Amino acid sequence: MIKSPDLLKEFEDSYSGKEGPLPFEKALEIFEMLWMEAKEFGIIPLKDPLEDIEKDIRIARILNSCLKSFSPD
């Protein structure tokens, strides 16, 4: 969980300003490292991937209805 999203956004902006867009290979390398770390901590794979799926679907429907009602079209 990100505790300081403003700080993360500032870091991302400064990194992309100095380094330019992140190449796909580098992004894939970062993803793989994060995946391995999550496996080491036992976060993935999920024991029951469909656990609480009904709640997720309900939230998605609510958010989608909000987007449709605020759409400029």
C-alpha atoms as a PDB file:
ATOM      1  CA  MET A   1       0.000   0.000   0.000  1.00  0.00           C
ATOM      2  CA  ILE A   2       1.334   3.398  -0.948  1.00  0.00           C
ATOM      3  CA  LYS A   3       1.339   5.636   2.094  1.00  0.00           C
ATOM      4  CA  SER A   4       2.472   8.822   0.355  1.00  0.00           C
ATOM      5  CA  PRO A   5       1.082   9.010  -3.196  1.00  0.00           C
ATOM      6  CA  ASP A   6       2.233  12.616  -3.611  1.00  0.00           C
ATOM      7  CA  LEU A   7       5.823  11.625  -2.878  1.00  0.00           C
ATOM      8  CA  LEU A   8       5.586   8.712  -5.324  1.00  0.00           C
ATOM      9  CA  LYS A   9       4.174  10.989  -8.029  1.00  0.00           C
ATOM     10  CA  GLU A  10       7.000  13.467  -7.433  1.00  0.00           C
ATOM     11  CA  PHE A  11       9.564  10.658  -7.739  1.00  0.00           C
ATOM     12  CA  GLU A  12       7.979   9.334 -10.939  1.00  0.00           C
ATOM     13  CA  ASP A  13       7.918  12.796 -12.499  1.00  0.00           C
ATOM     14  CA  SER A  14      11.535  13.511 -11.599  1.00  0.00           C
ATOM     15  CA  TYR A  15      12.674  10.088 -12.854  1.00  0.00           C
ATOM     16  CA  SER A  16      10.878  10.363 -16.168  1.00  0.00           C
ATOM     17  CA  GLY A  17      12.145  13.921 -16.586  1.00  0.00           C
ATOM     18  CA  LYS A  18      15.762  12.837 -16.154  1.00  0.00           C
ATOM     19  CA  GLU A  19      15.702   9.398 -17.746  1.00  0.00           C
ATOM     20  CA  GLY A  20      12.947   9.737 -20.331  1.00  0.00           C
ATOM     21  CA  PRO A  21      10.343   7.036 -20.921  1.00  0.00           C
ATOM     22  CA  LEU A  22      11.072   3.680 -19.309  1.00  0.00           C
ATOM     23  CA  PRO A  23      12.098   1.097 -21.931  1.00  0.00           C
ATOM     24  CA  PHE A  24       9.945  -2.017 -22.084  1.00  0.00           C
ATOM     25  CA  GLU A  25      12.833  -4.298 -21.119  1.00  0.00           C
ATOM     26  CA  LYS A  26      13.564  -2.273 -17.980  1.00  0.00           C
ATOM     27  CA  ALA A  27       9.863  -2.187 -17.045  1.00  0.00           C
ATOM     28  CA  LEU A  28       9.686  -5.967 -17.487  1.00  0.00           C
ATOM     29  CA  GLU A  29      12.790  -6.424 -15.324  1.00  0.00           C
ATOM     30  CA  ILE A  30      11.237  -4.301 -12.551  1.00  0.00           C
ATOM     31  CA  PHE A  31       7.968  -6.225 -12.808  1.00  0.00           C
ATOM     32  CA  GLU A  32       9.775  -9.559 -12.532  1.00  0.00           C
ATOM     33  CA  MET A  33      11.695  -8.405  -9.452  1.00  0.00           C
ATOM     34  CA  LEU A  34       8.487  -7.211  -7.786  1.00  0.00           C
ATOM     35  CA  TRP A  35       6.785 -10.510  -8.680  1.00  0.00           C
ATOM     36  CA  MET A  36       9.605 -12.542  -7.104  1.00  0.00           C
ATOM     37  CA  GLU A  37       9.512 -10.366  -3.987  1.00  0.00           C
ATOM     38  CA  ALA A  38       5.762 -10.861  -3.669  1.00  0.00           C
ATOM     39  CA  LYS A  39       6.257 -14.633  -3.982  1.00  0.00           C
ATOM     40  CA  GLU A  40       8.932 -14.556  -1.263  1.00  0.00           C
ATOM     41  CA  PHE A  41       6.557 -12.707   1.068  1.00  0.00           C
ATOM     42  CA  GLY A  42       3.801 -15.227   0.330  1.00  0.00           C
ATOM     43  CA  ILE A  43       1.477 -12.607  -1.134  1.00  0.00           C
ATOM     44  CA  ILE A  44       1.099 -14.479  -4.398  1.00  0.00           C
ATOM     45  CA  PRO A  45      -0.202 -16.827  -5.596  1.00  0.00           C
ATOM     46  CA  LEU A  46      -3.542 -16.133  -3.982  1.00  0.00           C
ATOM     47  CA  LYS A  47      -5.013 -18.985  -1.977  1.00  0.00           C
ATOM     48  CA  ASP A  48      -8.470 -18.328  -3.403  1.00  0.00           C
ATOM     49  CA  PRO A  49      -8.381 -15.881  -6.331  1.00  0.00           C
ATOM     50  CA  LEU A  50     -12.189 -15.643  -6.457  1.00  0.00           C
ATOM     51  CA  GLU A  51     -12.527 -14.715  -2.793  1.00  0.00           C
ATOM     52  CA  ASP A  52     -14.656 -11.559  -2.447  1.00  0.00           C
ATOM     53  CA  ILE A  53     -15.194 -11.386  -6.227  1.00  0.00           C
ATOM     54  CA  GLU A  54     -18.816 -10.350  -5.693  1.00  0.00           C
ATOM     55  CA  LYS A  55     -17.662  -7.292  -3.754  1.00  0.00           C
ATOM     56  CA  ASP A  56     -15.187  -6.371  -6.502  1.00  0.00           C
ATOM     57  CA  ILE A  57     -17.871  -6.692  -9.181  1.00  0.00           C
ATOM     58  CA  ARG A  58     -20.248  -4.515  -7.164  1.00  0.00           C
ATOM     59  CA  ILE A  59     -17.596  -1.804  -6.737  1.00  0.00           C
ATOM     60  CA  ALA A  60     -16.753  -1.954 -10.461  1.00  0.00           C
ATOM     61  CA  ARG A  61     -20.414  -1.517 -11.385  1.00  0.00           C
ATOM     62  CA  ILE A  62     -20.736   1.482  -9.082  1.00  0.00           C
ATOM     63  CA  LEU A  63     -17.593   3.113 -10.480  1.00  0.00           C
ATOM     64  CA  ASN A  64     -18.630   2.439 -14.072  1.00  0.00           C
ATOM     65  CA  SER A  65     -22.057   3.961 -13.475  1.00  0.00           C
ATOM     66  CA  CYS A  66     -20.384   7.058 -11.997  1.00  0.00           C
ATOM     67  CA  LEU A  67     -18.148   7.380 -15.047  1.00  0.00           C
ATOM     68  CA  LYS A  68     -21.116   7.118 -17.407  1.00  0.00           C
ATOM     69  CA  SER A  69     -23.135   9.732 -15.522  1.00  0.00           C
ATOM     70  CA  PHE A  70     -20.229  12.216 -15.558  1.00  0.00           C
ATOM     71  CA  SER A  71     -19.208  11.571 -19.165  1.00  0.00           C
ATOM     72  CA  PRO A  72     -19.240  14.744 -21.348  1.00  0.00           C
ATOM     73  CA  ASP A  73     -20.905  12.797 -24.228  1.00  0.00           C
END
